[in-house]
Amino acid sequence: QPPVAAGENGEKPGPGPAAEPGETPEAAPGATDPALVEGMPVAVPPPADSEIVVDSPERRIRWILDKWGGSLKQVEFKEYTDRPGQDPANPENWYRLVSKHLVEKGSTHSPRMLAVDIVDENGRTVLRTSKVMWELVGENDDRVTFRLDMPAAGAALVKEFGFPRAVEGIEGGAWHLDLNLRLEVTDAAKAAKFGAEAWRVRMTGPSGI
């Protein structure tokens, strides 16, 4: 174990503030969290350049996704403003589902919508995928696909977001988002050892959409 740096008077610093029950302590800048299960991806702080934006002039919503967590980072409603009297033609005034302050803070606690945890058949958390980097494997105007490879477990999780432009019965353009999750077994022997075929996913983060 590495030595602990002493303070100005030679004393060793005490422990930091305890986390509230059910809260995950925030990682120090540049630090990584150990994997919950050996061999699985580790958590990292959110990078500054991992956003994917889905937008076009005819859309009513600007969607912002993030490779950090393979998640939905922000939803901006173009027809509504943050405050009465503001001009909706100015994107800075669009109503945002998540507080702009929280998103720009860049904290490891910054909300991520439609993130998932992987849990085993006994309900034990195997991986909090909201704090690991996913690979962007597909992107076009209507669909974004992320992939999280877990070679030690012989499995991969694929997460696909769809953004339909029109929905029957809805005039003026769709408000909808589609989400498809699938688990792929890449190595049957390793997957059997990890029990990956019995894994389930649990939605985490804000869910008010």
C-alpha atoms as a PDB file:
ATOM      1  CA  GLN A   1       0.000   0.000   0.000  1.00  0.00           C
ATOM      2  CA  PRO A   2       1.477   3.424  -0.948  1.00  0.00           C
ATOM      3  CA  PRO A   3       2.413   5.782   1.910  1.00  0.00           C
ATOM      4  CA  VAL A   4      -0.025   8.528   2.856  1.00  0.00           C
ATOM      5  CA  ALA A   5       1.276  12.057   2.410  1.00  0.00           C
ATOM      6  CA  ALA A   6       1.638  13.991   5.661  1.00  0.00           C
ATOM      7  CA  GLY A   7       0.282  17.475   6.274  1.00  0.00           C
ATOM      8  CA  GLU A   8       2.268  20.627   6.885  1.00  0.00           C
ATOM      9  CA  ASN A   9       2.922  19.733  10.546  1.00  0.00           C
ATOM     10  CA  GLY A  10       3.726  16.114   9.855  1.00  0.00           C
ATOM     11  CA  GLU A  11       0.281  14.817  10.721  1.00  0.00           C
ATOM     12  CA  LYS A  12      -1.483  12.387   8.441  1.00  0.00           C
ATOM     13  CA  PRO A  13      -4.800  13.542   7.003  1.00  0.00           C
ATOM     14  CA  GLY A  14      -7.910  11.956   8.450  1.00  0.00           C
ATOM     15  CA  PRO A  15     -10.569  10.233   6.413  1.00  0.00           C
ATOM     16  CA  GLY A  16     -12.799  12.343   4.176  1.00  0.00           C
ATOM     17  CA  PRO A  17     -16.471  12.923   4.860  1.00  0.00           C
ATOM     18  CA  ALA A  18     -18.550   9.783   4.928  1.00  0.00           C
ATOM     19  CA  ALA A  19     -20.999   9.194   2.104  1.00  0.00           C
ATOM     20  CA  GLU A  20     -24.691   9.235   2.842  1.00  0.00           C
ATOM     21  CA  PRO A  21     -26.392   5.820   2.911  1.00  0.00           C
ATOM     22  CA  GLY A  22     -26.893   4.572  -0.623  1.00  0.00           C
ATOM     23  CA  GLU A  23     -24.536   7.177  -2.071  1.00  0.00           C
ATOM     24  CA  THR A  24     -21.357   6.355  -3.986  1.00  0.00           C
ATOM     25  CA  PRO A  25     -18.461   8.628  -2.910  1.00  0.00           C
ATOM     26  CA  GLU A  26     -17.284  10.863  -5.744  1.00  0.00           C
ATOM     27  CA  ALA A  27     -13.924   9.927  -7.232  1.00  0.00           C
ATOM     28  CA  ALA A  28     -11.054  12.376  -7.073  1.00  0.00           C
ATOM     29  CA  PRO A  29     -10.200  14.103 -10.382  1.00  0.00           C
ATOM     30  CA  GLY A  30      -8.301  11.704 -12.628  1.00  0.00           C
ATOM     31  CA  ALA A  31      -8.954   8.746 -10.349  1.00  0.00           C
ATOM     32  CA  THR A  32     -10.608   5.487 -11.277  1.00  0.00           C
ATOM     33  CA  ASP A  33     -12.823   3.305  -9.157  1.00  0.00           C
ATOM     34  CA  PRO A  34     -12.051  -0.392  -8.749  1.00  0.00           C
ATOM     35  CA  ALA A  35     -14.328  -2.777 -10.577  1.00  0.00           C
ATOM     36  CA  LEU A  36     -17.019  -4.322  -8.399  1.00  0.00           C
ATOM     37  CA  VAL A  37     -16.126  -7.714  -9.871  1.00  0.00           C
ATOM     38  CA  GLU A  38     -12.552  -8.559 -10.832  1.00  0.00           C
ATOM     39  CA  GLY A  39     -11.884  -8.356 -14.548  1.00  0.00           C
ATOM     40  CA  MET A  40     -14.777  -5.999 -15.314  1.00  0.00           C
ATOM     41  CA  PRO A  41     -14.397  -2.434 -16.673  1.00  0.00           C
ATOM     42  CA  VAL A  42     -13.518   0.210 -14.091  1.00  0.00           C
ATOM     43  CA  ALA A  43     -15.231   3.529 -13.483  1.00  0.00           C
ATOM     44  CA  VAL A  44     -13.580   6.691 -14.789  1.00  0.00           C
ATOM     45  CA  PRO A  45     -14.370  10.416 -14.444  1.00  0.00           C
ATOM     46  CA  PRO A  46     -16.462  11.876 -17.286  1.00  0.00           C
ATOM     47  CA  PRO A  47     -14.258  13.177 -20.126  1.00  0.00           C
ATOM     48  CA  ALA A  48     -14.889  16.545 -21.746  1.00  0.00           C
ATOM     49  CA  ASP A  49     -15.326  15.313 -25.318  1.00  0.00           C
ATOM     50  CA  SER A  50     -17.628  12.290 -25.202  1.00  0.00           C
ATOM     51  CA  GLU A  51     -20.959  13.801 -26.287  1.00  0.00           C
ATOM     52  CA  ILE A  52     -23.041  12.735 -29.271  1.00  0.00           C
ATOM     53  CA  VAL A  53     -25.713  15.184 -30.417  1.00  0.00           C
ATOM     54  CA  VAL A  54     -28.851  14.158 -32.318  1.00  0.00           C
ATOM     55  CA  ASP A  55     -30.508  17.192 -33.853  1.00  0.00           C
ATOM     56  CA  SER A  56     -31.935  18.557 -37.099  1.00  0.00           C
ATOM     57  CA  PRO A  57     -34.090  21.595 -37.977  1.00  0.00           C
ATOM     58  CA  GLU A  58     -37.367  19.656 -38.094  1.00  0.00           C
ATOM     59  CA  ARG A  59     -36.894  18.019 -34.702  1.00  0.00           C
ATOM     60  CA  ARG A  60     -38.753  19.327 -31.650  1.00  0.00           C
ATOM     61  CA  ILE A  61     -36.059  18.042 -29.289  1.00  0.00           C
ATOM     62  CA  ARG A  62     -32.270  18.183 -29.256  1.00  0.00           C
ATOM     63  CA  TRP A  63     -30.923  14.965 -27.720  1.00  0.00           C
ATOM     64  CA  ILE A  64     -27.438  14.803 -26.160  1.00  0.00           C
ATOM     65  CA  LEU A  65     -25.976  11.385 -25.400  1.00  0.00           C
ATOM     66  CA  ASP A  66     -22.701  10.461 -23.762  1.00  0.00           C
ATOM     67  CA  LYS A  67     -20.203   7.667 -24.303  1.00  0.00           C
ATOM     68  CA  TRP A  68     -19.585   7.952 -20.556  1.00  0.00           C
ATOM     69  CA  GLY A  69     -22.229   5.572 -19.310  1.00  0.00           C
ATOM     70  CA  GLY A  70     -23.646   4.986 -22.790  1.00  0.00           C
ATOM     71  CA  SER A  71     -26.414   7.227 -21.551  1.00  0.00           C
ATOM     72  CA  LEU A  72     -28.692  10.167 -22.216  1.00  0.00           C
ATOM     73  CA  LYS A  73     -27.063  13.312 -20.852  1.00  0.00           C
ATOM     74  CA  GLN A  74     -29.491  16.077 -21.776  1.00  0.00           C
ATOM     75  CA  VAL A  75     -32.869  16.693 -23.401  1.00  0.00           C
ATOM     76  CA  GLU A  76     -33.531  20.193 -24.786  1.00  0.00           C
ATOM     77  CA  PHE A  77     -37.078  21.178 -25.781  1.00  0.00           C
ATOM     78  CA  LYS A  78     -36.929  23.687 -28.650  1.00  0.00           C
ATOM     79  CA  GLU A  79     -40.527  24.883 -28.358  1.00  0.00           C
ATOM     80  CA  TYR A  80     -40.295  25.764 -24.661  1.00  0.00           C
ATOM     81  CA  THR A  81     -38.086  28.214 -22.817  1.00  0.00           C
ATOM     82  CA  ASP A  82     -36.476  28.061 -19.429  1.00  0.00           C
ATOM     83  CA  ARG A  83     -38.264  31.248 -18.321  1.00  0.00           C
ATOM     84  CA  PRO A  84     -41.406  33.066 -19.466  1.00  0.00           C
ATOM     85  CA  GLY A  85     -40.819  35.738 -22.096  1.00  0.00           C
ATOM     86  CA  GLN A  86     -37.601  34.266 -23.465  1.00  0.00           C
ATOM     87  CA  ASP A  87     -37.134  33.847 -27.222  1.00  0.00           C
ATOM     88  CA  PRO A  88     -37.324  30.144 -28.233  1.00  0.00           C
ATOM     89  CA  ALA A  89     -35.315  30.955 -31.366  1.00  0.00           C
ATOM     90  CA  ASN A  90     -32.251  31.248 -29.133  1.00  0.00           C
ATOM     91  CA  PRO A  91     -30.972  27.755 -28.219  1.00  0.00           C
ATOM     92  CA  GLU A  92     -29.591  29.136 -24.947  1.00  0.00           C
ATOM     93  CA  ASN A  93     -33.188  29.631 -23.816  1.00  0.00           C
ATOM     94  CA  TRP A  94     -34.478  26.131 -24.565  1.00  0.00           C
ATOM     95  CA  TYR A  95     -35.985  24.270 -21.667  1.00  0.00           C
ATOM     96  CA  ARG A  96     -33.608  21.537 -20.437  1.00  0.00           C
ATOM     97  CA  LEU A  97     -34.752  18.422 -18.645  1.00  0.00           C
ATOM     98  CA  VAL A  98     -31.569  18.356 -16.540  1.00  0.00           C
ATOM     99  CA  SER A  99     -30.273  21.505 -14.905  1.00  0.00           C
ATOM    100  CA  LYS A 100     -27.608  23.103 -17.079  1.00  0.00           C
ATOM    101  CA  HIS A 101     -25.528  23.713 -13.957  1.00  0.00           C
ATOM    102  CA  LEU A 102     -25.440  20.020 -13.098  1.00  0.00           C
ATOM    103  CA  VAL A 103     -24.410  18.970 -16.607  1.00  0.00           C
ATOM    104  CA  GLU A 104     -21.686  21.582 -16.961  1.00  0.00           C
ATOM    105  CA  LYS A 105     -20.270  20.768 -13.531  1.00  0.00           C
ATOM    106  CA  GLY A 106     -18.755  17.595 -14.986  1.00  0.00           C
ATOM    107  CA  SER A 107     -19.151  15.782 -11.685  1.00  0.00           C
ATOM    108  CA  THR A 108     -19.215  12.005 -11.410  1.00  0.00           C
ATOM    109  CA  HIS A 109     -22.618  12.656  -9.818  1.00  0.00           C
ATOM    110  CA  SER A 110     -23.869  14.534 -12.888  1.00  0.00           C
ATOM    111  CA  PRO A 111     -27.183  12.839 -13.733  1.00  0.00           C
ATOM    112  CA  ARG A 112     -27.256  10.344 -16.584  1.00  0.00           C
ATOM    113  CA  MET A 113     -30.631   9.196 -17.839  1.00  0.00           C
ATOM    114  CA  LEU A 114     -31.362   5.659 -19.038  1.00  0.00           C
ATOM    115  CA  ALA A 115     -28.158   4.328 -17.508  1.00  0.00           C
ATOM    116  CA  VAL A 116     -28.091   0.723 -16.279  1.00  0.00           C
ATOM    117  CA  ASP A 117     -26.494  -1.507 -13.671  1.00  0.00           C
ATOM    118  CA  ILE A 118     -25.772  -5.154 -14.422  1.00  0.00           C
ATOM    119  CA  VAL A 119     -26.911  -7.473 -11.638  1.00  0.00           C
ATOM    120  CA  ASP A 120     -26.479 -11.217 -11.255  1.00  0.00           C
ATOM    121  CA  GLU A 121     -29.171 -13.798 -10.536  1.00  0.00           C
ATOM    122  CA  ASN A 122     -28.831 -13.115  -6.787  1.00  0.00           C
ATOM    123  CA  GLY A 123     -29.366  -9.388  -7.213  1.00  0.00           C
ATOM    124  CA  ARG A 124     -25.705  -8.503  -6.621  1.00  0.00           C
ATOM    125  CA  THR A 125     -24.413  -5.552  -8.641  1.00  0.00           C
ATOM    126  CA  VAL A 126     -21.813  -6.785 -11.114  1.00  0.00           C
ATOM    127  CA  LEU A 127     -21.139  -3.496 -12.905  1.00  0.00           C
ATOM    128  CA  ARG A 128     -22.387   0.095 -12.722  1.00  0.00           C
ATOM    129  CA  THR A 129     -22.202   0.898 -16.405  1.00  0.00           C
ATOM    130  CA  SER A 130     -23.131   4.550 -15.845  1.00  0.00           C
ATOM    131  CA  LYS A 131     -19.542   5.378 -14.889  1.00  0.00           C
ATOM    132  CA  VAL A 132     -17.556   3.459 -17.504  1.00  0.00           C
ATOM    133  CA  MET A 133     -16.754   4.378 -21.102  1.00  0.00           C
ATOM    134  CA  TRP A 134     -18.786   2.745 -23.847  1.00  0.00           C
ATOM    135  CA  GLU A 135     -17.712   2.422 -27.475  1.00  0.00           C
ATOM    136  CA  LEU A 136     -19.741   4.273 -30.095  1.00  0.00           C
ATOM    137  CA  VAL A 137     -20.360   1.641 -32.794  1.00  0.00           C
ATOM    138  CA  GLY A 138     -23.147   3.238 -34.818  1.00  0.00           C
ATOM    139  CA  GLU A 139     -24.407   6.753 -35.437  1.00  0.00           C
ATOM    140  CA  ASN A 140     -26.787   8.369 -37.907  1.00  0.00           C
ATOM    141  CA  ASP A 141     -29.585  10.953 -37.843  1.00  0.00           C
ATOM    142  CA  ASP A 142     -32.074   8.559 -36.271  1.00  0.00           C
ATOM    143  CA  ARG A 143     -30.083   6.045 -34.243  1.00  0.00           C
ATOM    144  CA  VAL A 144     -27.065   5.862 -31.898  1.00  0.00           C
ATOM    145  CA  THR A 145     -25.574   2.547 -30.787  1.00  0.00           C
ATOM    146  CA  PHE A 146     -23.137   1.973 -27.928  1.00  0.00           C
ATOM    147  CA  ARG A 147     -21.293  -1.228 -27.049  1.00  0.00           C
ATOM    148  CA  LEU A 148     -19.639  -2.231 -23.780  1.00  0.00           C
ATOM    149  CA  ASP A 149     -17.269  -5.185 -24.133  1.00  0.00           C
ATOM    150  CA  MET A 150     -16.550  -7.276 -21.048  1.00  0.00           C
ATOM    151  CA  PRO A 151     -13.974  -9.810 -22.327  1.00  0.00           C
ATOM    152  CA  ALA A 152     -13.256 -11.275 -18.886  1.00  0.00           C
ATOM    153  CA  ALA A 153     -16.928 -12.256 -18.650  1.00  0.00           C
ATOM    154  CA  GLY A 154     -17.213 -13.376 -22.258  1.00  0.00           C
ATOM    155  CA  ALA A 155     -20.042 -10.933 -22.863  1.00  0.00           C
ATOM    156  CA  ALA A 156     -20.924  -7.542 -24.304  1.00  0.00           C
ATOM    157  CA  LEU A 157     -23.836  -5.196 -23.695  1.00  0.00           C
ATOM    158  CA  VAL A 158     -25.259  -3.344 -26.693  1.00  0.00           C
ATOM    159  CA  LYS A 159     -27.426  -0.284 -26.137  1.00  0.00           C
ATOM    160  CA  GLU A 160     -29.311   1.298 -29.015  1.00  0.00           C
ATOM    161  CA  PHE A 161     -31.152   4.625 -28.887  1.00  0.00           C
ATOM    162  CA  GLY A 162     -33.693   5.397 -31.616  1.00  0.00           C
ATOM    163  CA  PHE A 163     -35.130   8.835 -32.382  1.00  0.00           C
ATOM    164  CA  PRO A 164     -38.204   8.553 -34.639  1.00  0.00           C
ATOM    165  CA  ARG A 165     -39.038  11.657 -36.665  1.00  0.00           C
ATOM    166  CA  ALA A 166     -42.748  10.896 -36.847  1.00  0.00           C
ATOM    167  CA  VAL A 167     -45.211   8.922 -34.728  1.00  0.00           C
ATOM    168  CA  GLU A 168     -48.749   8.111 -35.774  1.00  0.00           C
ATOM    169  CA  GLY A 169     -51.244  10.406 -34.071  1.00  0.00           C
ATOM    170  CA  ILE A 170     -48.645  13.004 -33.077  1.00  0.00           C
ATOM    171  CA  GLU A 171     -48.663  16.206 -35.124  1.00  0.00           C
ATOM    172  CA  GLY A 172     -45.664  18.454 -35.623  1.00  0.00           C
ATOM    173  CA  GLY A 173     -43.012  15.804 -35.062  1.00  0.00           C
ATOM    174  CA  ALA A 174     -42.238  13.130 -32.500  1.00  0.00           C
ATOM    175  CA  TRP A 175     -41.274  13.560 -28.868  1.00  0.00           C
ATOM    176  CA  HIS A 176     -40.332   9.905 -28.620  1.00  0.00           C
ATOM    177  CA  LEU A 177     -37.191   7.953 -27.836  1.00  0.00           C
ATOM    178  CA  ASP A 178     -36.724   4.202 -28.304  1.00  0.00           C
ATOM    179  CA  LEU A 179     -34.279   2.137 -26.258  1.00  0.00           C
ATOM    180  CA  ASN A 180     -33.121  -1.382 -27.071  1.00  0.00           C
ATOM    181  CA  LEU A 181     -30.730  -3.364 -24.850  1.00  0.00           C
ATOM    182  CA  ARG A 182     -29.241  -6.746 -25.632  1.00  0.00           C
ATOM    183  CA  LEU A 183     -26.600  -8.965 -24.081  1.00  0.00           C
ATOM    184  CA  GLU A 184     -24.256 -10.768 -26.462  1.00  0.00           C
ATOM    185  CA  VAL A 185     -22.215 -13.803 -25.415  1.00  0.00           C
ATOM    186  CA  THR A 186     -18.757 -13.538 -26.990  1.00  0.00           C
ATOM    187  CA  ASP A 187     -17.104 -16.469 -25.192  1.00  0.00           C
ATOM    188  CA  ALA A 188     -19.402 -19.223 -23.954  1.00  0.00           C
ATOM    189  CA  ALA A 189     -16.898 -20.712 -21.497  1.00  0.00           C
ATOM    190  CA  LYS A 190     -16.136 -17.395 -19.811  1.00  0.00           C
ATOM    191  CA  ALA A 191     -19.800 -16.419 -19.803  1.00  0.00           C
ATOM    192  CA  ALA A 192     -20.676 -19.670 -18.057  1.00  0.00           C
ATOM    193  CA  LYS A 193     -17.978 -19.086 -15.434  1.00  0.00           C
ATOM    194  CA  PHE A 194     -19.262 -15.555 -14.742  1.00  0.00           C
ATOM    195  CA  GLY A 195     -22.907 -16.570 -14.950  1.00  0.00           C
ATOM    196  CA  ALA A 196     -23.351 -13.876 -17.590  1.00  0.00           C
ATOM    197  CA  GLU A 197     -26.292 -15.571 -19.281  1.00  0.00           C
ATOM    198  CA  ALA A 198     -28.321 -15.020 -16.098  1.00  0.00           C
ATOM    199  CA  TRP A 199     -27.463 -11.319 -15.815  1.00  0.00           C
ATOM    200  CA  ARG A 200     -30.202  -8.717 -15.692  1.00  0.00           C
ATOM    201  CA  VAL A 201     -30.122  -4.954 -16.115  1.00  0.00           C
ATOM    202  CA  ARG A 202     -31.496  -2.390 -13.703  1.00  0.00           C
ATOM    203  CA  MET A 203     -32.277   1.159 -14.805  1.00  0.00           C
ATOM    204  CA  THR A 204     -30.536   3.888 -12.800  1.00  0.00           C
ATOM    205  CA  GLY A 205     -30.440   7.662 -12.704  1.00  0.00           C
ATOM    206  CA  PRO A 206     -33.276  10.135 -13.305  1.00  0.00           C
ATOM    207  CA  SER A 207     -36.319   8.498 -14.839  1.00  0.00           C
ATOM    208  CA  GLY A 208     -38.739  11.359 -15.425  1.00  0.00           C
ATOM    209  CA  ILE A 209     -38.925  10.966 -19.202  1.00  0.00           C
END
